[in-house]
Amino acid sequence: MSKVVLVILDGLEYSTAQQCMGGLLALCNANMGKIYKMKSELPSISRPLYECILTGVKPALSGILNNYCKPFSSNRSIFEYAKLANLKAGAAAYYWISELYNKTLFDRVKDRIIINEQSLNIPYGIFYYEDDYNDSHLFSDAECLRVKFDLDFTLFHSMNIDDIGHKFSHDSKEYRNAARKVDTILSSLVLKWLEEGVNVIITSDHGMNNDGTHGGNLDIERDVAFFVFGDKFSFARVEVEQSGICGLVCEILGVDHDKSFAKELLK
């Protein structure tokens, strides 16, 4: 069993990650991690892909096909697998994560900060509801939960890159600089996590097009980065699938699960 951090950088397209995430790429070049190109599932929209990443169920099968579909998830997530194994799991994330796995609909007062509420799938959480909620605060929120409550699985979910992409589009200095800002925060955190023996996955739900939207089948809407860091990973050349993230995380956590994943990713 190893502790796991999963970082979802909402809206970060693959080529932008390759061009702008210099800190993370430096760690990869030092053989401390590896970057893969991953194709997001369709539609390339947030809520369906949160469900895909966290449960391994593709949107066509989950029935969550747009951001306006607001059911409570009917599929078992990483959070539930961890809970069944008596592991501690938490998240600092956009409120749609709370709506999928804790409670629908989100109450901005009652559901924003969750501490040791064992009746919930995510018993430790800080959930935000503004897309421009500052990434510096988000990463502090999640790291505070991880450290203070000694979490075994922590989800960090950042929205600023996506928010900037909608405002300025993919091919803009603002979008690229949003990625660079996150890289500055993350590269230092990843070193800390590796020193603690934590295994780390950094990816995105979808990319961004030059209209400032996403949802379709363009490469820039679907191609995302998939970074891995930690001693459980083989760094082998292998095709990675978005629907395999849930099973991969569960395998590293050492919990019983019935999800598929690329076994070649692990030693």
Foldseek 3Di string as FASTA:
>chain_A
DFFEEEEAEAAAFAVLCVVALVLLVVCVVVVQKDKDKEFFAAQLAPLQLVCLQFFLDHCVRQVPHYPVDQAAGPGDGLLNLCVVVVFAEAEEEACSVCSNWFHPPDDVPPHQAADQPSVTSHRGYHHDHDLPPDLVVQVVSQVCSCVVVVGRYYYRYHRNLLVQCLVQNDPDPSNSVVSNVVSVVVSVVVVVCQVVQYKYWYKHSFHTGRNSDGGDDDSRGTIMMIMIGGDFFPNDDDHFYSSQNRVVNCVVSVTDDDGDGDPNRGD
